[in-house]
C-alpha atoms as a PDB file:
ATOM      1  CA  MET A   1       5.047 -13.241  -9.543  1.00  0.00           C
ATOM      2  CA  LYS A   2       5.974 -16.775 -10.382  1.00  0.00           C
ATOM      3  CA  THR A   3       2.278 -17.901  -9.058  1.00  0.00           C
ATOM      4  CA  MET A   4       1.159 -14.546 -11.029  1.00  0.00           C
ATOM      5  CA  ARG A   5       2.001 -16.191 -14.077  1.00  0.00           C
ATOM      6  CA  TRP A   6       0.580 -19.717 -13.428  1.00  0.00           C
ATOM      7  CA  LYS A   7      -2.820 -17.582 -12.213  1.00  0.00           C
ATOM      8  CA  VAL A   8      -2.866 -15.519 -15.650  1.00  0.00           C
ATOM      9  CA  THR A   9      -2.199 -18.430 -17.599  1.00  0.00           C
ATOM     10  CA  ALA A  10      -4.437 -20.408 -16.328  1.00  0.00           C
ATOM     11  CA  ALA A  11      -7.651 -17.878 -16.453  1.00  0.00           C
ATOM     12  CA  VAL A  12      -6.612 -17.072 -20.149  1.00  0.00           C
ATOM     13  CA  LEU A  13      -6.274 -20.719 -20.955  1.00  0.00           C
ATOM     14  CA  TRP A  14      -9.742 -21.711 -19.373  1.00  0.00           C
ATOM     15  CA  LEU A  15     -11.489 -18.317 -20.910  1.00  0.00           C
ATOM     16  CA  SER A  16     -10.297 -19.513 -24.370  1.00  0.00           C
ATOM     17  CA  LEU A  17     -11.653 -22.858 -24.054  1.00  0.00           C
ATOM     18  CA  LEU A  18     -14.957 -21.583 -22.571  1.00  0.00           C
ATOM     19  CA  PHE A  19     -15.546 -19.436 -25.670  1.00  0.00           C
ATOM     20  CA  ASN A  20     -14.557 -22.084 -28.013  1.00  0.00           C
ATOM     21  CA  ILE A  21     -16.091 -25.209 -26.405  1.00  0.00           C
ATOM     22  CA  GLU A  22     -18.701 -25.605 -29.231  1.00  0.00           C
ATOM     23  CA  ARG A  23     -16.005 -25.682 -31.378  1.00  0.00           C
ATOM     24  CA  LEU A  24     -14.260 -28.868 -29.742  1.00  0.00           C
ATOM     25  CA  ASP A  25     -17.384 -31.066 -30.369  1.00  0.00           C
ATOM     26  CA  PHE A  26     -16.139 -33.917 -32.908  1.00  0.00           C
ATOM     27  CA  ASP A  27     -19.311 -35.817 -32.742  1.00  0.00           C
ATOM     28  CA  LYS A  28     -21.784 -34.065 -34.255  1.00  0.00           C
ATOM     29  CA  GLY A  29     -24.353 -35.873 -33.282  1.00  0.00           C
ATOM     30  CA  THR A  30     -24.361 -34.429 -29.582  1.00  0.00           C
ATOM     31  CA  ALA A  31     -23.846 -31.082 -30.448  1.00  0.00           C
ATOM     32  CA  LEU A  32     -23.037 -28.917 -27.254  1.00  0.00           C
ATOM     33  CA  ASP A  33     -25.403 -25.826 -27.346  1.00  0.00           C
ATOM     34  CA  LEU A  34     -24.826 -23.831 -24.518  1.00  0.00           C
ATOM     35  CA  ALA A  35     -26.935 -20.685 -24.006  1.00  0.00           C
ATOM     36  CA  SER A  36     -25.777 -17.164 -25.907  1.00  0.00           C
ATOM     37  CA  ALA A  37     -27.244 -15.299 -22.692  1.00  0.00           C
ATOM     38  CA  PHE A  38     -24.911 -17.755 -20.880  1.00  0.00           C
ATOM     39  CA  TYR A  39     -21.764 -16.908 -22.659  1.00  0.00           C
ATOM     40  CA  VAL A  40     -22.935 -13.220 -22.379  1.00  0.00           C
ATOM     41  CA  LEU A  41     -23.166 -13.446 -18.520  1.00  0.00           C
ATOM     42  CA  ALA A  42     -19.803 -15.582 -18.393  1.00  0.00           C
ATOM     43  CA  ALA A  43     -18.071 -12.419 -20.015  1.00  0.00           C
ATOM     44  CA  VAL A  44     -19.867  -9.977 -17.627  1.00  0.00           C
ATOM     45  CA  VAL A  45     -18.497 -12.518 -14.902  1.00  0.00           C
ATOM     46  CA  ALA A  46     -14.851 -12.236 -16.153  1.00  0.00           C
ATOM     47  CA  VAL A  47     -14.786  -8.528 -16.526  1.00  0.00           C
ATOM     48  CA  ILE A  48     -16.114  -7.911 -12.863  1.00  0.00           C
ATOM     49  CA  PHE A  49     -14.036 -10.225 -11.277  1.00  0.00           C
ATOM     50  CA  LEU A  50     -10.983  -9.366 -13.045  1.00  0.00           C
ATOM     51  CA  LEU A  51     -11.468  -5.496 -12.721  1.00  0.00           C
ATOM     52  CA  VAL A  52     -13.038  -4.820  -9.418  1.00  0.00           C
ATOM     53  CA  PRO A  53     -10.875  -5.422  -6.138  1.00  0.00           C
ATOM     54  CA  LEU A  54     -12.943  -7.653  -4.277  1.00  0.00           C
ATOM     55  CA  SER A  55     -12.173  -9.095  -0.660  1.00  0.00           C
ATOM     56  CA  ARG A  56     -12.864 -12.673  -0.214  1.00  0.00           C
ATOM     57  CA  ARG A  57     -16.042 -11.895   1.484  1.00  0.00           C
ATOM     58  CA  PHE A  58     -17.313  -9.497  -1.418  1.00  0.00           C
ATOM     59  CA  ALA A  59     -16.016 -12.217  -3.648  1.00  0.00           C
ATOM     60  CA  TYR A  60     -18.712 -14.574  -2.104  1.00  0.00           C
ATOM     61  CA  ILE A  61     -21.392 -12.110  -2.345  1.00  0.00           C
ATOM     62  CA  ALA A  62     -20.975 -11.117  -5.721  1.00  0.00           C
ATOM     63  CA  GLY A  63     -20.469 -15.064  -6.477  1.00  0.00           C
ATOM     64  CA  SER A  64     -24.060 -15.498  -4.879  1.00  0.00           C
ATOM     65  CA  ALA A  65     -25.685 -12.360  -6.946  1.00  0.00           C
ATOM     66  CA  VAL A  66     -24.248 -14.071 -10.178  1.00  0.00           C
ATOM     67  CA  PHE A  67     -25.628 -17.373  -9.486  1.00  0.00           C
ATOM     68  CA  VAL A  68     -29.077 -15.690  -8.433  1.00  0.00           C
ATOM     69  CA  ALA A  69     -29.178 -13.818 -11.766  1.00  0.00           C
ATOM     70  CA  TYR A  70     -28.068 -17.146 -13.485  1.00  0.00           C
ATOM     71  CA  ALA A  71     -31.069 -18.817 -11.709  1.00  0.00           C
ATOM     72  CA  LEU A  72     -33.536 -16.231 -12.863  1.00  0.00           C
ATOM     73  CA  PHE A  73     -32.546 -16.296 -16.357  1.00  0.00           C
ATOM     74  CA  LYS A  74     -33.029 -20.433 -16.596  1.00  0.00           C
ATOM     75  CA  PHE A  75     -36.389 -20.343 -14.619  1.00  0.00           C
ATOM     76  CA  ALA A  76     -37.731 -17.358 -17.237  1.00  0.00           C
ATOM     77  CA  SER A  77     -36.292 -19.776 -20.343  1.00  0.00           C
ATOM     78  CA  PRO A  78     -38.917 -21.807 -21.918  1.00  0.00           C
ATOM     79  CA  ILE A  79     -36.307 -24.590 -22.531  1.00  0.00           C
ATOM     80  CA  PRO A  80     -36.543 -27.043 -19.354  1.00  0.00           C
ATOM     81  CA  VAL A  81     -34.065 -26.755 -16.742  1.00  0.00           C
ATOM     82  CA  PHE A  82     -33.337 -30.329 -15.423  1.00  0.00           C
ATOM     83  CA  GLN A  83     -35.126 -32.500 -18.652  1.00  0.00           C
ATOM     84  CA  GLY A  84     -33.004 -34.567 -20.640  1.00  0.00           C
ATOM     85  CA  LEU A  85     -30.107 -33.310 -22.186  1.00  0.00           C
ATOM     86  CA  HIS A  86     -30.746 -30.027 -20.832  1.00  0.00           C
ATOM     87  CA  LYS A  87     -30.036 -31.090 -17.433  1.00  0.00           C
ATOM     88  CA  TYR A  88     -26.250 -31.635 -18.229  1.00  0.00           C
ATOM     89  CA  LEU A  89     -25.592 -28.585 -20.082  1.00  0.00           C
ATOM     90  CA  THR A  90     -27.121 -26.558 -16.828  1.00  0.00           C
ATOM     91  CA  VAL A  91     -24.795 -28.318 -14.608  1.00  0.00           C
ATOM     92  CA  THR A  92     -22.110 -27.642 -17.450  1.00  0.00           C
ATOM     93  CA  GLU A  93     -22.778 -23.731 -17.307  1.00  0.00           C
ATOM     94  CA  MET A  94     -22.983 -23.513 -13.394  1.00  0.00           C
ATOM     95  CA  VAL A  95     -19.798 -25.262 -13.227  1.00  0.00           C
ATOM     96  CA  ALA A  96     -18.388 -22.988 -15.997  1.00  0.00           C
ATOM     97  CA  ILE A  97     -19.412 -20.227 -14.215  1.00  0.00           C
ATOM     98  CA  LEU A  98     -18.127 -21.256 -10.906  1.00  0.00           C
ATOM     99  CA  ILE A  99     -14.488 -21.750 -12.307  1.00  0.00           C
ATOM    100  CA  THR A 100     -14.785 -18.685 -14.482  1.00  0.00           C
ATOM    101  CA  ILE A 101     -15.435 -17.050 -10.854  1.00  0.00           C
ATOM    102  CA  TYR A 102     -12.309 -18.762  -8.859  1.00  0.00           C
ATOM    103  CA  LEU A 103      -9.810 -18.303 -11.518  1.00  0.00           C
ATOM    104  CA  THR A 104     -10.655 -14.630 -12.467  1.00  0.00           C
ATOM    105  CA  TRP A 105     -10.823 -13.743  -8.763  1.00  0.00           C
ATOM    106  CA  LEU A 106      -7.178 -15.145  -8.108  1.00  0.00           C
ATOM    107  CA  VAL A 107      -6.004 -13.143 -10.867  1.00  0.00           C
ATOM    108  CA  ASN A 108      -7.627 -10.126  -9.051  1.00  0.00           C
ATOM    109  CA  GLN A 109      -5.572 -11.078  -5.858  1.00  0.00           C
ATOM    110  CA  GLY A 110      -2.867 -11.189  -7.497  1.00  0.00           C
ATOM    111  CA  LEU A 111      -2.926  -8.008  -8.951  1.00  0.00           C
ATOM    112  CA  GLN A 112      -4.110  -6.767  -5.468  1.00  0.00           C
ATOM    113  CA  ASP A 113      -1.217  -7.779  -3.990  1.00  0.00           C
ATOM    114  CA  PHE A 114       1.101  -6.184  -6.520  1.00  0.00           C
ATOM    115  CA  GLU A 115       0.008  -3.155  -6.186  1.00  0.00           C
ATOM    116  CA  HIS A 116       0.191  -3.065  -2.520  1.00  0.00           C
ATOM    117  CA  ALA A 117       3.846  -3.940  -3.034  1.00  0.00           C
ATOM    118  CA  VAL A 118       4.285  -1.433  -5.322  1.00  0.00           C
ATOM    119  CA  GLU A 119       2.723   0.919  -2.830  1.00  0.00           C
ATOM    120  CA  ALA A 120       4.885  -0.384  -0.260  1.00  0.00           C
ATOM    121  CA  ILE A 121       8.167   0.365  -1.930  1.00  0.00           C
ATOM    122  CA  SER A 122       7.468   3.757  -3.165  1.00  0.00           C
ATOM    123  CA  LEU A 123       6.105   6.926  -1.608  1.00  0.00           C
ATOM    124  CA  PRO A 124       2.644   6.948  -2.894  1.00  0.00           C
ATOM    125  CA  LYS A 125       1.887  10.364  -4.947  1.00  0.00           C
ATOM    126  CA  GLY A 126      -1.211  12.383  -4.100  1.00  0.00           C
ATOM    127  CA  ARG A 127      -1.719  11.066  -0.492  1.00  0.00           C
ATOM    128  CA  ALA A 128      -3.295  13.869   1.419  1.00  0.00           C
ATOM    129  CA  GLY A 129      -0.686  15.068   3.781  1.00  0.00           C
ATOM    130  CA  LEU A 130       2.419  13.321   2.660  1.00  0.00           C
ATOM    131  CA  LEU A 131       4.320  15.796   0.392  1.00  0.00           C
ATOM    132  CA  GLU A 132       7.595  15.573  -1.800  1.00  0.00           C
ATOM    133  CA  TYR A 133      10.358  17.330  -0.025  1.00  0.00           C
ATOM    134  CA  ASP A 134      10.538  20.479  -2.485  1.00  0.00           C
ATOM    135  CA  GLN A 135       6.854  20.792  -1.960  1.00  0.00           C
ATOM    136  CA  MET A 136       7.416  20.921   1.966  1.00  0.00           C
ATOM    137  CA  GLN A 137       9.839  23.574   1.347  1.00  0.00           C
ATOM    138  CA  GLU A 138       7.344  25.513  -0.757  1.00  0.00           C
ATOM    139  CA  ARG A 139       4.723  25.321   2.293  1.00  0.00           C
ATOM    140  CA  ILE A 140       6.958  26.084   4.699  1.00  0.00           C
ATOM    141  CA  ARG A 141       7.693  29.548   3.183  1.00  0.00           C
ATOM    142  CA  ALA A 142       3.862  29.993   2.560  1.00  0.00           C
ATOM    143  CA  GLU A 143       3.147  29.305   6.009  1.00  0.00           C
ATOM    144  CA  MET A 144       5.506  31.488   7.402  1.00  0.00           C
ATOM    145  CA  GLY A 145       4.597  34.322   5.349  1.00  0.00           C
ATOM    146  CA  ARG A 146       1.177  33.857   6.755  1.00  0.00           C
ATOM    147  CA  ALA A 147       2.286  33.205  10.178  1.00  0.00           C
ATOM    148  CA  ARG A 148       4.168  36.625   9.967  1.00  0.00           C
ATOM    149  CA  ARG A 149       0.883  38.510   8.844  1.00  0.00           C
ATOM    150  CA  HIS A 150      -1.481  36.850  11.521  1.00  0.00           C
ATOM    151  CA  GLN A 151       1.044  36.892  14.234  1.00  0.00           C
ATOM    152  CA  HIS A 152       0.360  33.269  14.549  1.00  0.00           C
ATOM    153  CA  SER A 153       3.309  30.183  15.609  1.00  0.00           C
ATOM    154  CA  ILE A 154       4.383  27.779  13.455  1.00  0.00           C
ATOM    155  CA  SER A 155       6.319  24.681  14.104  1.00  0.00           C
ATOM    156  CA  VAL A 156       8.684  22.731  12.060  1.00  0.00           C
ATOM    157  CA  ALA A 157       9.850  19.108  13.439  1.00  0.00           C
ATOM    158  CA  ALA A 158      12.579  16.747  12.206  1.00  0.00           C
ATOM    159  CA  ILE A 159      12.049  12.995  12.604  1.00  0.00           C
ATOM    160  CA  GLU A 160      14.531  10.111  12.016  1.00  0.00           C
ATOM    161  CA  LEU A 161      13.720   6.632  12.429  1.00  0.00           C
ATOM    162  CA  ASP A 162      15.836   4.340  14.747  1.00  0.00           C
ATOM    163  CA  PRO A 163      18.137   1.852  12.621  1.00  0.00           C
ATOM    164  CA  VAL A 164      17.556  -0.966  14.826  1.00  0.00           C
ATOM    165  CA  THR A 165      14.123  -1.178  15.271  1.00  0.00           C
ATOM    166  CA  SER A 166      13.564  -0.269  11.666  1.00  0.00           C
ATOM    167  CA  GLU A 167      15.265  -3.250  10.757  1.00  0.00           C
ATOM    168  CA  ALA A 168      13.488  -5.116  13.230  1.00  0.00           C
ATOM    169  CA  ALA A 169       9.936  -4.149  11.914  1.00  0.00           C
ATOM    170  CA  LEU A 170      10.763  -5.183   8.240  1.00  0.00           C
ATOM    171  CA  HIS A 171       8.296  -7.829   6.809  1.00  0.00           C
ATOM    172  CA  ARG A 172      10.026 -11.258   6.328  1.00  0.00           C
ATOM    173  CA  ALA A 173       9.162 -11.353   2.678  1.00  0.00           C
ATOM    174  CA  VAL A 174      11.464  -7.950   1.924  1.00  0.00           C
ATOM    175  CA  ARG A 175      14.526  -9.315   4.108  1.00  0.00           C
ATOM    176  CA  ASP A 176      15.934 -10.245   1.217  1.00  0.00           C
ATOM    177  CA  ALA A 177      15.846  -7.333  -0.957  1.00  0.00           C
ATOM    178  CA  HIS A 178      18.061  -4.597  -1.601  1.00  0.00           C
ATOM    179  CA  ALA A 179      19.296  -2.545   1.504  1.00  0.00           C
ATOM    180  CA  ALA A 180      18.119   0.611   0.081  1.00  0.00           C
ATOM    181  CA  LEU A 181      14.693  -0.684  -1.247  1.00  0.00           C
ATOM    182  CA  VAL A 182      13.941  -2.350   2.226  1.00  0.00           C
ATOM    183  CA  LYS A 183      14.988   0.904   3.868  1.00  0.00           C
ATOM    184  CA  ARG A 184      12.506   2.695   1.679  1.00  0.00           C
ATOM    185  CA  TYR A 185       9.914   0.059   2.632  1.00  0.00           C
ATOM    186  CA  VAL A 186      10.187   1.166   6.159  1.00  0.00           C
ATOM    187  CA  GLN A 187      10.018   4.892   5.729  1.00  0.00           C
ATOM    188  CA  VAL A 188       6.961   4.574   3.407  1.00  0.00           C
ATOM    189  CA  GLN A 189       5.152   2.644   6.148  1.00  0.00           C
ATOM    190  CA  PHE A 190       6.038   5.138   8.680  1.00  0.00           C
ATOM    191  CA  GLY A 191       5.101   8.152   6.460  1.00  0.00           C
ATOM    192  CA  VAL A 192       1.643   6.863   5.641  1.00  0.00           C
ATOM    193  CA  PHE A 193       1.181   5.634   9.365  1.00  0.00           C
ATOM    194  CA  MET A 194       1.933   9.415  10.195  1.00  0.00           C
ATOM    195  CA  THR A 195      -0.491  10.662   7.729  1.00  0.00           C
ATOM    196  CA  LYS A 196      -3.142   8.767   9.393  1.00  0.00           C
ATOM    197  CA  HIS A 197      -2.636  10.131  12.667  1.00  0.00           C
ATOM    198  CA  ILE A 198      -1.559  13.553  12.212  1.00  0.00           C
ATOM    199  CA  ARG A 199      -4.046  16.594  11.960  1.00  0.00           C
ATOM    200  CA  GLU A 200      -5.540  17.658   8.630  1.00  0.00           C
ATOM    201  CA  THR A 201      -4.049  20.994   8.527  1.00  0.00           C
ATOM    202  CA  ASP A 202      -0.639  19.269   9.514  1.00  0.00           C
ATOM    203  CA  VAL A 203       1.961  17.566   6.642  1.00  0.00           C
ATOM    204  CA  ILE A 204       4.550  15.520   6.636  1.00  0.00           C
ATOM    205  CA  ALA A 205       7.593  15.026   3.771  1.00  0.00           C
ATOM    206  CA  HIS A 206      10.440  12.819   3.386  1.00  0.00           C
ATOM    207  CA  GLN A 207      13.890  13.868   2.269  1.00  0.00           C
ATOM    208  CA  ASP A 208      15.801  11.542   0.405  1.00  0.00           C
ATOM    209  CA  THR A 209      19.197  12.901   1.099  1.00  0.00           C
ATOM    210  CA  ASP A 210      19.436  12.655   4.545  1.00  0.00           C
ATOM    211  CA  GLY A 211      16.880  10.211   5.136  1.00  0.00           C
ATOM    212  CA  HIS A 212      14.715  12.206   7.803  1.00  0.00           C
ATOM    213  CA  PHE A 213      10.839  13.618   7.868  1.00  0.00           C
ATOM    214  CA  LEU A 214       9.517  16.971   8.099  1.00  0.00           C
ATOM    215  CA  LEU A 215       6.528  17.693   9.963  1.00  0.00           C
ATOM    216  CA  LEU A 216       4.829  20.873   9.500  1.00  0.00           C
ATOM    217  CA  ALA A 217       1.993  21.799  11.931  1.00  0.00           C
ATOM    218  CA  PRO A 218       0.674  25.580  11.240  1.00  0.00           C
ATOM    219  CA  GLU A 219      -0.562  27.602  13.892  1.00  0.00           C
ATOM    220  CA  THR A 220       1.067  25.229  16.738  1.00  0.00           C
ATOM    221  CA  PRO A 221       3.452  26.485  19.097  1.00  0.00           C
ATOM    222  CA  GLY A 222       6.448  23.975  19.565  1.00  0.00           C
ATOM    223  CA  GLU A 223       5.552  22.652  23.094  1.00  0.00           C
ATOM    224  CA  GLN A 224       2.075  21.372  21.469  1.00  0.00           C
ATOM    225  CA  VAL A 225       3.913  19.501  18.851  1.00  0.00           C
ATOM    226  CA  GLU A 226       6.247  17.759  20.992  1.00  0.00           C
ATOM    227  CA  GLY A 227       3.454  16.567  23.016  1.00  0.00           C
ATOM    228  CA  MET A 228       2.034  15.325  19.873  1.00  0.00           C
ATOM    229  CA  LEU A 229       5.209  13.643  18.579  1.00  0.00           C
ATOM    230  CA  SER A 230       5.621  11.968  22.180  1.00  0.00           C
ATOM    231  CA  ARG A 231       1.911  10.237  22.075  1.00  0.00           C
ATOM    232  CA  LEU A 232       2.699   9.262  18.070  1.00  0.00           C
ATOM    233  CA  ALA A 233       5.717   7.904  19.161  1.00  0.00           C
ATOM    234  CA  VAL A 234       4.171   5.448  21.604  1.00  0.00           C
ATOM    235  CA  GLN A 235       1.648   4.558  18.768  1.00  0.00           C
ATOM    236  CA  VAL A 236       4.060   4.148  15.834  1.00  0.00           C
ATOM    237  CA  GLU A 237       6.175   1.888  18.183  1.00  0.00           C
ATOM    238  CA  ASP A 238       3.014  -0.260  19.350  1.00  0.00           C
ATOM    239  CA  ASN A 239       2.158  -0.614  15.809  1.00  0.00           C
ATOM    240  CA  LEU A 240       5.008  -0.580  13.411  1.00  0.00           C
ATOM    241  CA  GLY A 241       7.539  -1.529  16.046  1.00  0.00           C
ATOM    242  CA  ILE A 242       9.698   1.224  15.125  1.00  0.00           C
ATOM    243  CA  ARG A 243      11.243   3.827  17.309  1.00  0.00           C
ATOM    244  CA  PHE A 244      12.148   7.339  16.231  1.00  0.00           C
ATOM    245  CA  ARG A 245      14.048  10.736  17.279  1.00  0.00           C
ATOM    246  CA  TYR A 246      12.544  14.308  16.928  1.00  0.00           C
ATOM    247  CA  ASN A 247      13.487  17.561  17.589  1.00  0.00           C
ATOM    248  CA  VAL A 248      11.003  20.677  17.236  1.00  0.00           C
ATOM    249  CA  ALA A 249      11.829  24.075  15.953  1.00  0.00           C
ATOM    250  CA  ASP A 250       9.135  26.942  16.203  1.00  0.00           C
ATOM    251  CA  PHE A 251       8.862  30.475  14.912  1.00  0.00           C
ATOM    252  CA  PRO A 252       9.004  33.140  16.466  1.00  0.00           C
ATOM    253  CA  LYS A 253      10.563  31.293  19.175  1.00  0.00           C
ATOM    254  CA  ASN A 254      13.387  29.708  17.512  1.00  0.00           C
ATOM    255  CA  ALA A 255      13.515  31.167  14.079  1.00  0.00           C
ATOM    256  CA  LEU A 256      12.421  33.871  11.791  1.00  0.00           C
ATOM    257  CA  THR A 257      12.815  32.621   8.373  1.00  0.00           C
ATOM    258  CA  SER A 258      11.431  29.446   6.479  1.00  0.00           C
ATOM    259  CA  GLU A 259      15.481  28.227   6.057  1.00  0.00           C
ATOM    260  CA  GLU A 260      16.525  28.778   9.630  1.00  0.00           C
ATOM    261  CA  LEU A 261      13.242  26.893  11.034  1.00  0.00           C
ATOM    262  CA  VAL A 262      14.343  23.864   9.059  1.00  0.00           C
ATOM    263  CA  HIS A 263      17.757  24.192  10.117  1.00  0.00           C
ATOM    264  CA  LYS A 264      17.128  24.411  13.646  1.00  0.00           C
ATOM    265  CA  ALA A 265      14.513  21.744  13.464  1.00  0.00           C
ATOM    266  CA  THR A 266      17.429  19.407  11.883  1.00  0.00           C
ATOM    267  CA  GLU A 267      20.630  20.591  13.101  1.00  0.00           C
ATOM    268  CA  LYS A 268      20.187  18.547  16.388  1.00  0.00           C
ATOM    269  CA  LEU A 269      19.142  15.376  14.743  1.00  0.00           C
ATOM    270  CA  HIS A 270      22.457  15.491  12.487  1.00  0.00           C
ATOM    271  CA  ARG A 271      24.639  16.069  15.358  1.00  0.00           C
ATOM    272  CA  GLU A 272      23.064  13.004  17.228  1.00  0.00           C
ATOM    273  CA  THR A 273      23.255  10.938  13.922  1.00  0.00           C
ATOM    274  CA  THR A 274      26.905  11.770  13.573  1.00  0.00           C
ATOM    275  CA  THR A 275      27.684  10.755  17.153  1.00  0.00           C
ATOM    276  CA  SER A 276      25.715   7.305  16.872  1.00  0.00           C
ATOM    277  CA  ASP A 277      27.767   6.630  13.722  1.00  0.00           C
ATOM    278  CA  ASP A 278      31.075   7.372  15.313  1.00  0.00           C
ATOM    279  CA  ARG A 279      30.291   5.531  18.177  1.00  0.00           C
ATOM    280  CA  ARG A 280      29.079   2.805  16.105  1.00  0.00           C
ATOM    281  CA  ALA A 281      32.279   2.933  14.272  1.00  0.00           C
ATOM    282  CA  GLN A 282      34.307   2.687  17.339  1.00  0.00           C
ATOM    283  CA  ARG A 283      32.581  -0.335  18.330  1.00  0.00           C
ATOM    284  CA  GLU A 284      33.190  -2.180  15.268  1.00  0.00           C
ATOM    285  CA  GLN A 285      36.991  -1.155  15.071  1.00  0.00           C
ATOM    286  CA  ALA A 286      37.373  -2.137  18.870  1.00  0.00           C
ATOM    287  CA  VAL A 287      35.888  -5.890  17.917  1.00  0.00           C
ATOM    288  CA  VAL A 288      37.893  -5.578  14.847  1.00  0.00           C
ATOM    289  CA  THR A 289      41.152  -5.007  16.789  1.00  0.00           C
ATOM    290  CA  SER A 290      40.118  -7.534  19.506  1.00  0.00           C
ATOM    291  CA  SER A 291      39.989 -10.224  17.004  1.00  0.00           C
ATOM    292  CA  ALA A 292      43.503  -9.398  15.816  1.00  0.00           C
ATOM    293  CA  ASP A 293      44.830  -9.340  18.943  1.00  0.00           C
ATOM    294  CA  THR A 294      43.498 -12.734  19.951  1.00  0.00           C
END
């Protein structure tokens, strides 16, 4: 954020100077008379490079297009381009446009980085397939009713990230952040990755209280969901460095109501988490006891 402040400050100061540069002419005999169309072009450039998200490649393309437009304007003008004082004005205008492009693009990149950081620490709203937990419960009830009417299978899988690999997957820049914020970052990365690799008919939601995800797979028996999650487990570990556990329950094989379906899916994970926490506490206690004896 500190570098972002400097970028914005530099862009504001430069644009203030550019659009008031003729007022700084103290020697009345050498008036700096930039073309009015140049100021219009500079304003358009500033707006485009500030508001339109541009990668480095497209910034080069857009910058080239700006200079082509400037060249067409200059050659269409009856004023000589490179004769006498006009050549200095032309060079000044070209340098001014280049500086405007560079500074406003730097601000643009800083804003894009900030937006990506915000998205990385908060579950993005409106993403297809990634629901709030309450919305997931309503969706499960609706799908359960539809499954009953049409005699179709429906499965719910509870997924929990492995804490050891989750910590290892954290980006170096956020390691010093608050523990809850860092954990949220990894969970969001996982949730977004899953939405890109599950089917369009499937949805996934995160439960803040217990920290697990629910995957709803309509018209899909539990065996198929287990196979899908087995394949996704490999992809997630390869791409994010995260391992996860899962347990699948389906209707009508394991449960007859939506509440029971969620309970069956999450029950085994709760037991495994409790056992894992107990073992970790025992190991820590053993270390403390060993240190005290020493």
